[in-house]
């Protein structure tokens, strides 16, 4: 398993967009706009590969000088529960810390709260709807 930072617009980035669409958006009848994807040029794009096959991904978006937001965490169906998400998240935390960020926030789907809680993230605030699903804001000091 290899985890790496992807270049926006690269072949691996295209695999990442396709994975996020199939896992996170398509089941909800949603797509990505060209503007949404263009904004990701400034993000830290992270992929987990087994040989040439993308198995998981996430991205970090700077929200202020000390904080990044974890977004679009996805792991291939059938591989969830095998530790890929944990490895991705630890890698993302290390990259954020190396770049001088002090905190990671996220809007976590309600059904993923347990996963993030085990890794030290805490709920801040009340439940809300995003992309038609219940979410909570979670954060962790780095």
Protein backbone atom coordinates (compact mmCIF):
# COMPACT_ATOMS: atom_id res chain seq x y z
CA UNK A 1 0.00 0.00 0.00
CA UNK A 2 1.37 3.40 -1.01
CA UNK A 3 -0.06 6.74 0.07
CA UNK A 4 0.87 9.81 -1.92
CA UNK A 5 -0.04 13.39 -2.63
CA UNK A 6 -1.64 13.74 -6.05
CA UNK A 7 -1.25 16.52 -8.60
CA UNK A 8 -4.48 18.27 -9.58
CA UNK A 9 -5.43 17.28 -13.12
CA UNK A 10 -3.17 14.18 -13.21
CA UNK A 11 -4.30 10.68 -14.18
CA UNK A 12 -4.34 9.70 -10.49
CA UNK A 13 -6.42 12.79 -9.68
CA UNK A 14 -8.94 11.72 -12.33
CA UNK A 15 -9.14 8.30 -10.62
CA UNK A 16 -9.74 10.13 -7.33
CA UNK A 17 -12.58 12.22 -8.77
CA UNK A 18 -14.16 9.08 -10.26
CA UNK A 19 -13.91 7.23 -6.92
CA UNK A 20 -15.42 10.14 -4.98
CA UNK A 21 -18.23 10.43 -7.50
CA UNK A 22 -19.05 6.69 -7.40
CA UNK A 23 -18.89 6.35 -3.61
CA UNK A 24 -19.99 9.75 -2.26
CA UNK A 25 -22.05 11.53 -4.93
CA UNK A 26 -23.68 9.10 -7.38
CA UNK A 27 -25.69 7.25 -4.67
CA UNK A 28 -27.24 10.63 -3.74
CA UNK A 29 -27.92 11.65 -7.34
CA UNK A 30 -25.26 14.39 -7.13
CA UNK A 31 -22.34 15.37 -9.37
CA UNK A 32 -19.30 17.66 -9.23
CA UNK A 33 -19.40 21.03 -10.97
CA UNK A 34 -16.36 22.13 -13.01
CA UNK A 35 -15.99 25.08 -10.59
CA UNK A 36 -15.96 22.74 -7.58
CA UNK A 37 -13.18 20.63 -9.11
CA UNK A 38 -11.21 23.72 -10.21
CA UNK A 39 -11.15 24.97 -6.59
CA UNK A 40 -9.35 21.77 -5.60
CA UNK A 41 -6.14 23.06 -7.25
CA UNK A 42 -5.30 24.66 -3.88
CA UNK A 43 -6.09 21.53 -1.85
CA UNK A 44 -3.81 18.75 -0.62
CA UNK A 45 -5.03 15.71 -2.58
CA UNK A 46 -4.23 12.32 -1.04
CA UNK A 47 -4.60 8.86 -2.55
CA UNK A 48 -3.95 5.35 -1.27
CA UNK A 49 -2.85 2.87 -3.93
CA UNK A 50 -2.28 -0.86 -4.15
CA UNK A 51 0.01 -1.06 -7.18
CA UNK A 52 -1.82 1.18 -9.69
CA UNK A 53 -5.29 0.76 -8.18
CA UNK A 54 -6.73 3.60 -6.10
CA UNK A 55 -8.23 2.15 -2.91
CA UNK A 56 -8.94 5.29 -0.88
CA UNK A 57 -8.64 9.06 -0.95
CA UNK A 58 -9.28 12.31 0.87
CA UNK A 59 -8.35 15.94 0.55
CA UNK A 60 -7.43 18.80 2.84
CA UNK A 61 -8.67 22.35 2.25
CA UNK A 62 -7.06 25.28 4.07
CA UNK A 63 -9.75 27.22 5.95
CA UNK A 64 -7.48 29.62 7.84
CA UNK A 65 -3.74 29.91 8.57
CA UNK A 66 -3.88 27.22 11.30
CA UNK A 67 -6.76 24.96 10.17
CA UNK A 68 -7.48 22.53 7.35
CA UNK A 69 -10.77 20.82 6.59
CA UNK A 70 -10.79 17.10 5.75
CA UNK A 71 -13.11 16.50 2.83
CA UNK A 72 -14.26 13.73 0.52
CA UNK A 73 -12.86 10.76 2.48
CA UNK A 74 -13.66 7.62 0.49
CA UNK A 75 -12.55 3.98 0.54
CA UNK A 76 -13.42 1.46 -2.16
CA UNK A 77 -16.47 -0.65 -1.35
CA UNK A 78 -15.43 -4.03 -0.03
CA UNK A 79 -12.22 -2.62 1.45
CA UNK A 80 -13.87 -0.58 4.19
CA UNK A 81 -12.94 -1.80 7.66
CA UNK A 82 -9.49 -2.97 6.48
CA UNK A 83 -7.56 0.01 7.91
CA UNK A 84 -7.23 2.06 4.71
CA UNK A 85 -9.27 4.97 6.09
CA UNK A 86 -7.21 5.05 9.28
CA UNK A 87 -3.92 5.03 7.36
CA UNK A 88 -5.20 7.81 5.05
CA UNK A 89 -6.30 9.92 7.99
CA UNK A 90 -3.03 9.51 9.89
CA UNK A 91 -1.13 10.45 6.70
CA UNK A 92 -3.38 13.53 6.24
CA UNK A 93 -2.78 14.57 9.87
CA UNK A 94 0.99 14.23 9.45
CA UNK A 95 0.99 16.27 6.24
CA UNK A 96 -1.15 18.96 7.89
CA UNK A 97 1.17 19.05 10.92
CA UNK A 98 4.26 19.21 8.67
CA UNK A 99 2.74 22.20 6.86
CA UNK A 100 2.22 24.01 10.18
CA UNK A 101 -1.52 23.50 10.67
CA UNK A 102 -2.75 23.11 14.26
CA UNK A 103 -6.27 21.71 13.73
CA UNK A 104 -8.30 19.53 11.36
CA UNK A 105 -12.05 20.00 11.05
CA UNK A 106 -14.60 18.10 8.98
CA UNK A 107 -18.27 17.67 8.28
CA UNK A 108 -18.63 13.96 9.07
CA UNK A 109 -21.54 11.85 7.95
CA UNK A 110 -23.49 10.66 10.99
CA UNK A 111 -22.82 7.00 10.14
CA UNK A 112 -19.03 7.66 10.26
CA UNK A 113 -18.88 9.33 13.70
CA UNK A 114 -17.59 6.19 15.42
CA UNK A 115 -14.69 5.86 12.98
CA UNK A 116 -13.53 9.46 13.54
CA UNK A 117 -14.18 9.32 17.30
CA UNK A 118 -11.80 6.34 17.63
CA UNK A 119 -9.11 8.47 15.98
CA UNK A 120 -9.49 11.36 18.43
CA UNK A 121 -12.01 13.61 16.65
CA UNK A 122 -14.72 15.27 18.73
CA UNK A 123 -18.16 16.49 17.70
CA UNK A 124 -18.61 20.25 17.96
CA UNK A 125 -22.14 21.54 17.44
CA UNK A 126 -25.45 20.10 16.42
CA UNK A 127 -26.50 17.74 13.65
CA UNK A 128 -27.15 19.34 10.24
CA UNK A 129 -27.98 18.21 6.72
CA UNK A 130 -25.38 18.31 3.96
CA UNK A 131 -25.74 16.61 0.57
CA UNK A 132 -29.12 15.31 1.85
CA UNK A 133 -27.53 13.36 4.76
CA UNK A 134 -27.16 14.07 8.51
CA UNK A 135 -23.68 15.37 9.40
CA UNK A 136 -21.80 16.70 12.41
CA UNK A 137 -18.83 19.03 12.52
CA UNK A 138 -15.87 17.28 14.13
CA UNK A 139 -12.39 18.54 14.92
CA UNK A 140 -9.04 17.48 16.31
CA UNK A 141 -6.09 19.50 17.56
CA UNK A 142 -2.86 18.36 15.94
